[in-house]
Amino acid sequence: MKKVLLALALLPSLLFAQTSGFVLNGKVSDLPDGAEVKITDAFTNNPVASSTVKGGTFTVKGSIPEPGLFWITIGKEQAQHIYLENKNISITGTRTDLKHMKVEGSQSHKDFEEFRDIFNPLVGSLNATAAQIEKTENQAKRDELMQQYFALSQKVKDEVAKFIASKPSSFVSPFLLHLTGQLIDDVSVTEKYYNSLSENVRNSQIGKALAEQIAESKIGAVGTEAMDFTQSDPDGKPISLSSFRGKYVLVDFWASWCKPCRMENPNVVKAYNKFSNKNFTVFGVSLDKEKDSWVKAIEKDGLVWPQVSDLQFWQNSAAVLYRVQGIPQNFLIDPNGKIVAKNLRGEELESKLCELLGCN
């Protein structure tokens, strides 16, 4: 299970174009005179500007190429995020509760706070559910947790749609799309959101970076042509993806050492048994390193469909080609060689195959 990572401390400082500098005026109670106030890049920690406290107030002046996410550190207190713009901005709060400091004068920060209030709880629940799934062996309980995970994922997608629709001119909107692209799955949806943003935002640095991300994400995306590859089965026989042209084929990336993959295998077996007589097959690609472990897992899990691997672990050439960064991962390809779905799990796989091939 690939967790959703929205830890803001790990994100780059994503900036937006403006011209004049910023003036940050702060009034924070209980601060000692001489305490240092520092503004640093949220990702690189490079210093941007600094000042000192006098009489509980401070003024920090500086200039940034474009607005974006930064850290503000006041004295010895824990650093807090602030979305800066080259404007007059004020901060008020107390030393013991900087987490809830009030920031005025930056519309970007206001949008950022709304984003944080909506998505942090959702993503926290999503990651907690993913962690439960990874350590749950009972299939019934795991299926229940998977349904919870899918429901939470859909909730995130719904909130993304609402945020973008209500804030097409917000500098935080492309920032949000960067972070949630892995959840949206369908790159055409992300591209639609991107195209709905104002021209100014699309032409910003983060907007241009998002456009590059979208272009990269189209590799292996739903609606695109599946890229051909050839690897060998356990007997050393080379098998190409193109050899399945004319059938629906589920390209299933997995490994013997991947617990979630092994727990998902019974669902793939069930789907194969139900639809293999309806022009459907599975093409397994293993990210194993040891042939013996791979072969034993195939036999133990009853994976009777074609299996290949180059035994290169995460550097498996097919996995690299399809930008696979977490397993299990799969791509459903139609008889014409187009990707029609991806990352189908449990009941979703059977439901999609029923839709395409019929259940009777």
Protein backbone atom coordinates (compact mmCIF):
# COMPACT_ATOMS: atom_id res chain seq x y z
CA MET A 1 0.00 0.00 0.00
CA LYS A 2 1.47 3.31 -1.05
CA LYS A 3 0.77 5.96 1.54
CA VAL A 4 -0.24 9.47 0.65
CA LEU A 5 2.54 11.81 1.73
CA LEU A 6 1.43 15.38 2.36
CA ALA A 7 3.89 16.20 5.14
CA LEU A 8 4.38 19.89 4.59
CA ALA A 9 7.85 19.87 6.10
CA LEU A 10 9.01 17.74 3.16
CA LEU A 11 7.56 19.95 0.46
CA PRO A 12 9.56 22.33 -1.69
CA SER A 13 9.00 26.04 -1.48
CA LEU A 14 6.73 26.64 -4.44
CA LEU A 15 6.81 30.26 -5.50
CA PHE A 16 4.77 32.75 -7.50
CA ALA A 17 5.67 35.91 -9.39
CA GLN A 18 5.53 39.38 -7.84
CA THR A 19 7.83 42.38 -7.84
CA SER A 20 8.08 44.41 -4.57
CA GLY A 21 9.33 43.17 -1.22
CA PHE A 22 7.42 42.11 1.88
CA VAL A 23 7.14 43.80 5.27
CA LEU A 24 6.16 41.38 8.03
CA ASN A 25 5.03 43.07 11.25
CA GLY A 26 4.57 40.84 14.27
CA LYS A 27 3.07 41.31 17.72
CA VAL A 28 3.50 38.22 19.89
CA SER A 29 3.07 38.35 23.65
CA ASP A 30 5.64 37.03 26.16
CA LEU A 31 8.60 37.22 23.80
CA PRO A 32 11.90 38.34 25.34
CA ASP A 33 13.70 41.32 23.85
CA GLY A 34 16.44 40.26 21.49
CA ALA A 35 14.76 37.01 20.41
CA GLU A 36 15.59 36.30 16.79
CA VAL A 37 12.89 36.05 14.13
CA LYS A 38 13.93 34.10 11.02
CA ILE A 39 12.25 33.45 7.68
CA THR A 40 13.61 30.41 5.85
CA ASP A 41 12.70 28.43 2.77
CA ALA A 42 10.30 25.66 3.77
CA PHE A 43 12.24 23.01 1.87
CA THR A 44 15.88 24.04 1.68
CA ASN A 45 15.95 25.95 4.97
CA ASN A 46 17.91 28.67 3.19
CA PRO A 47 17.62 31.99 5.07
CA VAL A 48 15.43 34.69 3.52
CA ALA A 49 15.28 37.46 6.14
CA SER A 50 15.62 38.00 9.88
CA SER A 51 15.06 40.51 12.65
CA THR A 52 14.86 40.72 16.45
CA VAL A 53 12.07 41.24 18.96
CA LYS A 54 11.71 44.48 20.90
CA GLY A 55 8.83 45.10 23.28
CA GLY A 56 6.96 42.08 22.01
CA THR A 57 7.00 43.29 18.41
CA PHE A 58 9.20 42.77 15.38
CA THR A 59 9.46 43.77 11.75
CA VAL A 60 11.02 41.56 9.12
CA LYS A 61 11.69 42.98 5.67
CA GLY A 62 12.79 41.13 2.60
CA SER A 63 12.01 40.24 -0.97
CA ILE A 64 11.11 36.95 -2.55
CA PRO A 65 11.03 36.25 -6.31
CA GLU A 66 7.46 34.95 -6.01
CA PRO A 67 5.07 34.13 -3.15
CA GLY A 68 5.32 30.68 -1.59
CA LEU A 69 5.62 28.55 1.51
CA PHE A 70 8.19 29.46 4.18
CA TRP A 71 9.07 28.75 7.78
CA ILE A 72 8.92 31.48 10.41
CA THR A 73 10.91 30.80 13.58
CA ILE A 74 10.36 33.13 16.52
CA GLY A 75 12.90 32.83 19.31
CA LYS A 76 13.19 29.26 20.55
CA GLU A 77 9.62 28.32 19.66
CA GLN A 78 8.70 25.69 17.09
CA ALA A 79 8.82 26.95 13.51
CA GLN A 80 5.49 27.56 11.78
CA HIS A 81 4.52 27.65 8.12
CA ILE A 82 3.58 30.93 6.51
CA TYR A 83 2.60 31.60 2.90
CA LEU A 84 4.41 34.84 2.11
CA GLU A 85 3.67 37.39 -0.56
CA ASN A 86 5.53 40.60 -1.33
CA LYS A 87 3.02 42.68 0.63
CA ASN A 88 2.51 44.21 4.05
CA ILE A 89 1.66 41.28 6.33
CA SER A 90 0.89 41.19 10.03
CA ILE A 91 1.18 38.41 12.59
CA THR A 92 -0.44 38.41 16.03
CA GLY A 93 -0.44 35.66 18.63
CA THR A 94 1.08 34.34 21.83
CA ARG A 95 4.44 32.69 22.34
CA THR A 96 2.81 29.56 23.80
CA ASP A 97 0.34 29.12 20.90
CA LEU A 98 2.10 30.13 17.70
CA LYS A 99 0.34 27.29 15.91
CA HIS A 100 -2.78 29.44 15.96
CA MET A 101 -1.12 32.76 15.17
CA LYS A 102 -3.24 35.13 13.09
CA VAL A 103 -1.82 36.11 9.72
CA GLU A 104 -3.33 39.03 7.81
CA GLY A 105 -2.38 40.65 4.52
CA SER A 106 -1.57 37.49 2.57
CA GLN A 107 -4.47 36.02 0.62
CA SER A 108 -2.24 33.08 -0.22
CA HIS A 109 -1.79 32.29 3.46
CA LYS A 110 -5.55 32.53 4.00
CA ASP A 111 -6.09 30.02 1.18
CA PHE A 112 -3.29 27.87 2.59
CA GLU A 113 -4.99 27.75 6.01
CA GLU A 114 -8.24 26.67 4.36
CA PHE A 115 -6.37 23.99 2.41
CA ARG A 116 -4.67 22.78 5.60
CA ASP A 117 -7.90 22.68 7.61
CA ILE A 118 -9.65 20.62 4.95
CA PHE A 119 -6.95 18.21 3.85
CA ASN A 120 -4.72 17.53 6.84
CA PRO A 121 -7.43 15.59 8.76
CA LEU A 122 -8.47 13.70 5.62
CA VAL A 123 -4.94 12.72 4.70
CA GLY A 124 -4.18 11.76 8.30
CA SER A 125 -7.14 9.35 8.23
CA LEU A 126 -6.09 8.07 4.82
CA ASN A 127 -2.55 7.29 5.98
CA ALA A 128 -3.78 5.69 9.20
CA THR A 129 -6.14 3.45 7.22
CA ALA A 130 -3.33 2.51 4.80
CA ALA A 131 -1.15 1.54 7.78
CA GLN A 132 -3.94 -0.65 9.16
CA ILE A 133 -4.38 -2.36 5.79
CA GLU A 134 -0.67 -3.19 5.61
CA LYS A 135 -0.69 -5.00 8.95
CA THR A 136 -4.11 -6.69 8.63
CA GLU A 137 -4.09 -10.32 7.51
CA ASN A 138 -7.77 -11.17 7.94
CA GLN A 139 -9.23 -10.87 4.46
CA ALA A 140 -12.72 -9.77 5.55
CA LYS A 141 -11.31 -7.05 7.78
CA ARG A 142 -8.88 -6.01 5.08
CA ASP A 143 -11.72 -5.69 2.54
CA GLU A 144 -13.59 -3.52 5.04
CA LEU A 145 -10.55 -1.30 5.51
CA MET A 146 -10.04 -1.07 1.75
CA GLN A 147 -13.59 0.23 1.39
CA GLN A 148 -12.84 2.85 4.04
CA TYR A 149 -9.67 3.78 2.17
CA PHE A 150 -11.53 4.16 -1.14
CA ALA A 151 -14.23 6.28 0.54
CA LEU A 152 -11.61 8.57 2.08
CA SER A 153 -9.78 8.80 -1.26
CA GLN A 154 -13.01 9.84 -2.95
CA LYS A 155 -13.62 12.43 -0.23
CA VAL A 156 -10.18 13.93 -0.91
CA LYS A 157 -10.95 14.02 -4.65
CA ASP A 158 -14.29 15.72 -4.02
CA GLU A 159 -12.66 18.35 -1.83
CA VAL A 160 -9.96 18.97 -4.44
CA ALA A 161 -12.67 19.59 -7.05
CA LYS A 162 -14.46 22.06 -4.77
CA PHE A 163 -11.29 23.91 -3.80
CA ILE A 164 -10.13 24.34 -7.40
CA ALA A 165 -13.58 25.40 -8.58
CA SER A 166 -13.83 28.06 -5.88
CA LYS A 167 -10.23 29.32 -6.16
CA PRO A 168 -9.08 29.31 -9.80
CA SER A 169 -6.95 32.42 -9.18
CA SER A 170 -5.41 31.21 -5.92
CA PHE A 171 -1.70 30.52 -5.86
CA VAL A 172 -2.44 27.60 -3.52
CA SER A 173 -4.57 25.77 -6.11
CA PRO A 174 -1.67 24.43 -8.23
CA PHE A 175 0.18 23.70 -4.99
CA LEU A 176 -2.76 21.50 -3.97
CA LEU A 177 -2.83 19.76 -7.35
CA HIS A 178 0.87 18.94 -7.00
CA LEU A 179 0.24 17.27 -3.67
CA THR A 180 -2.87 15.29 -4.56
CA GLY A 181 -1.96 14.19 -8.08
CA GLN A 182 -1.16 10.67 -6.86
CA LEU A 183 -4.67 10.31 -5.43
CA ILE A 184 -6.55 11.63 -8.44
CA ASP A 185 -4.99 8.86 -10.59
CA ASP A 186 -6.59 10.07 -13.84
CA VAL A 187 -4.15 12.67 -15.17
CA SER A 188 -6.82 14.03 -17.51
CA VAL A 189 -8.74 15.18 -14.43
CA THR A 190 -5.68 16.98 -13.06
CA GLU A 191 -5.13 18.52 -16.48
CA LYS A 192 -8.75 19.72 -16.55
CA TYR A 193 -8.24 21.38 -13.16
CA TYR A 194 -5.00 22.95 -14.37
CA ASN A 195 -6.68 24.37 -17.48
CA SER A 196 -9.40 25.92 -15.28
CA LEU A 197 -6.83 28.01 -13.38
CA SER A 198 -6.29 31.66 -14.25
CA GLU A 199 -3.63 32.47 -16.82
CA ASN A 200 -1.54 34.23 -14.19
CA VAL A 201 -1.46 31.13 -12.00
CA ARG A 202 -0.78 28.78 -14.91
CA ASN A 203 2.18 30.92 -15.96
CA SER A 204 3.64 31.06 -12.46
CA GLN A 205 6.60 28.90 -11.51
CA ILE A 206 4.40 26.42 -9.68
CA GLY A 207 1.94 26.45 -12.59
CA LYS A 208 4.70 25.60 -15.04
CA ALA A 209 6.01 22.89 -12.71
CA LEU A 210 2.50 21.45 -12.54
CA ALA A 211 2.28 21.40 -16.33
CA GLU A 212 5.52 19.40 -16.42
CA GLN A 213 4.15 17.02 -13.78
CA ILE A 214 1.02 16.48 -15.85
CA ALA A 215 3.09 15.70 -18.95
CA GLU A 216 5.17 13.21 -16.93
CA SER A 217 2.05 11.66 -15.41
CA LYS A 218 0.59 10.92 -18.84
CA ILE A 219 3.09 8.06 -19.03
CA GLY A 220 0.98 5.00 -18.20
CA ALA A 221 -2.15 7.11 -17.77
CA VAL A 222 -5.70 5.96 -18.47
CA GLY A 223 -6.54 6.64 -22.11
CA THR A 224 -2.94 6.37 -23.35
CA GLU A 225 -1.31 3.63 -25.39
CA ALA A 226 0.29 0.92 -23.28
CA MET A 227 4.06 0.80 -23.74
CA ASP A 228 5.40 -2.53 -24.88
CA PHE A 229 8.08 -4.43 -22.97
CA THR A 230 9.59 -7.90 -22.95
CA GLN A 231 10.87 -9.92 -19.99
CA SER A 232 11.46 -13.60 -19.30
CA ASP A 233 9.28 -16.06 -17.46
CA PRO A 234 10.72 -18.44 -14.80
CA ASP A 235 11.81 -20.83 -17.57
CA GLY A 236 13.72 -18.09 -19.37
CA LYS A 237 11.18 -17.69 -22.17
CA PRO A 238 10.76 -14.04 -23.26
CA ILE A 239 7.18 -12.75 -23.26
CA SER A 240 6.09 -9.36 -24.65
CA LEU A 241 3.09 -7.36 -23.54
CA SER A 242 2.20 -6.90 -27.21
CA SER A 243 1.72 -10.67 -27.52
CA PHE A 244 -1.59 -10.23 -25.67
CA ARG A 245 -2.95 -7.75 -28.22
CA GLY A 246 -6.59 -8.60 -28.93
CA LYS A 247 -7.35 -9.40 -25.27
CA TYR A 248 -8.06 -7.47 -22.13
CA VAL A 249 -4.94 -7.90 -20.04
CA LEU A 250 -4.24 -6.83 -16.48
CA VAL A 251 -0.54 -5.97 -16.14
CA ASP A 252 0.00 -6.72 -12.46
CA PHE A 253 3.15 -5.41 -10.74
CA TRP A 254 3.87 -7.33 -7.54
CA ALA A 255 6.61 -9.20 -5.62
CA SER A 256 6.90 -12.19 -3.31
CA TRP A 257 8.22 -9.92 -0.50
CA CYS A 258 5.31 -7.46 -0.80
CA LYS A 259 2.76 -8.35 1.87
CA PRO A 260 -0.08 -6.18 0.44
CA CYS A 261 0.56 -7.79 -2.96
CA ARG A 262 0.28 -11.29 -1.52
CA MET A 263 -2.93 -10.31 0.27
CA GLU A 264 -4.34 -8.90 -2.95
CA ASN A 265 -3.43 -11.97 -5.03
CA PRO A 266 -6.58 -13.94 -4.06
CA ASN A 267 -8.68 -11.14 -5.58
CA VAL A 268 -6.69 -11.33 -8.80
CA VAL A 269 -7.04 -15.13 -8.85
CA LYS A 270 -10.78 -14.78 -8.35
CA ALA A 271 -11.05 -12.29 -11.23
CA TYR A 272 -8.91 -14.47 -13.50
CA ASN A 273 -11.01 -17.55 -12.79
CA LYS A 274 -14.23 -15.64 -13.47
CA PHE A 275 -13.21 -13.81 -16.66
CA SER A 276 -10.41 -15.83 -18.30
CA ASN A 277 -12.95 -17.38 -20.68
CA LYS A 278 -14.12 -13.90 -21.72
CA ASN A 279 -11.05 -12.67 -23.58
CA PHE A 280 -9.25 -11.65 -20.38
CA THR A 281 -5.90 -12.60 -18.89
CA VAL A 282 -3.33 -11.37 -16.39
CA PHE A 283 0.32 -10.62 -17.10
CA GLY A 284 2.31 -10.64 -13.86
CA VAL A 285 5.50 -8.58 -13.51
CA SER A 286 7.51 -9.30 -10.38
CA LEU A 287 9.89 -6.89 -8.66
CA ASP A 288 11.66 -9.80 -7.00
CA LYS A 289 15.43 -10.18 -6.68
CA GLU A 290 15.57 -13.91 -5.96
CA LYS A 291 14.17 -16.35 -8.49
CA ASP A 292 13.42 -19.06 -5.91
CA SER A 293 11.29 -16.74 -3.79
CA TRP A 294 9.45 -15.54 -6.87
CA VAL A 295 8.69 -19.06 -8.14
CA LYS A 296 7.58 -20.29 -4.70
CA ALA A 297 5.18 -17.35 -4.36
CA ILE A 298 3.71 -18.05 -7.80
CA GLU A 299 3.04 -21.65 -6.80
CA LYS A 300 1.79 -20.90 -3.29
CA ASP A 301 -0.63 -18.16 -4.44
CA GLY A 302 -1.88 -20.16 -7.44
CA LEU A 303 -0.91 -17.58 -10.06
CA VAL A 304 -1.49 -19.60 -13.22
CA TRP A 305 -1.20 -16.74 -15.71
CA PRO A 306 2.03 -15.67 -17.46
CA GLN A 307 4.67 -14.27 -15.11
CA VAL A 308 7.87 -12.41 -15.97
CA SER A 309 10.69 -10.62 -14.16
CA ASP A 310 14.21 -9.37 -14.76
CA LEU A 311 14.95 -9.84 -11.02
CA GLN A 312 16.13 -6.23 -10.69
CA PHE A 313 13.97 -5.27 -7.69
CA TRP A 314 12.78 -1.63 -7.97
CA GLN A 315 14.90 -1.21 -11.08
CA ASN A 316 12.77 -3.72 -12.97
CA SER A 317 12.81 -2.26 -16.48
CA ALA A 318 9.03 -2.54 -16.97
CA ALA A 319 8.37 -0.94 -13.58
CA VAL A 320 10.73 1.92 -14.45
CA LEU A 321 9.03 2.29 -17.85
CA TYR A 322 5.60 2.60 -16.21
CA ARG A 323 6.88 4.83 -13.35
CA VAL A 324 5.87 2.24 -10.74
CA GLN A 325 6.81 3.58 -7.31
CA GLY A 326 4.63 1.39 -5.12
CA ILE A 327 3.16 -2.09 -5.35
CA PRO A 328 0.71 -3.68 -5.81
CA GLN A 329 -0.02 -1.64 -8.92
CA ASN A 330 -1.81 -2.68 -12.07
CA PHE A 331 -2.90 -1.43 -15.49
CA LEU A 332 -5.91 -2.80 -17.37
CA ILE A 333 -5.30 -2.72 -21.12
CA ASP A 334 -7.98 -3.21 -23.75
CA PRO A 335 -7.70 -5.35 -26.92
CA ASN A 336 -6.45 -2.33 -28.88
CA GLY A 337 -3.58 -1.72 -26.50
CA LYS A 338 -5.04 1.26 -24.62
CA ILE A 339 -4.97 1.62 -20.85
CA VAL A 340 -8.59 1.73 -19.69
CA ALA A 341 -8.10 1.56 -15.91
CA LYS A 342 -5.35 1.32 -13.31
CA ASN A 343 -4.84 0.40 -9.67
CA LEU A 344 -7.95 -1.78 -9.48
CA ARG A 345 -8.24 -3.52 -6.10
CA GLY A 346 -10.61 -6.10 -4.64
CA GLU A 347 -14.20 -5.58 -5.75
CA GLU A 348 -13.15 -2.70 -8.01
CA LEU A 349 -11.34 -5.12 -10.31
CA GLU A 350 -14.30 -7.46 -10.64
CA SER A 351 -16.69 -4.55 -11.06
CA LYS A 352 -14.65 -3.04 -13.89
CA LEU A 353 -14.35 -6.37 -15.66
CA CYS A 354 -18.09 -6.91 -15.31
CA GLU A 355 -18.61 -3.50 -16.90
CA LEU A 356 -16.36 -4.34 -19.83
CA LEU A 357 -16.97 -8.05 -20.32
CA GLY A 358 -20.30 -8.75 -18.65
CA CYS A 359 -20.90 -10.85 -15.55
CA ASN A 360 -23.19 -13.49 -16.98
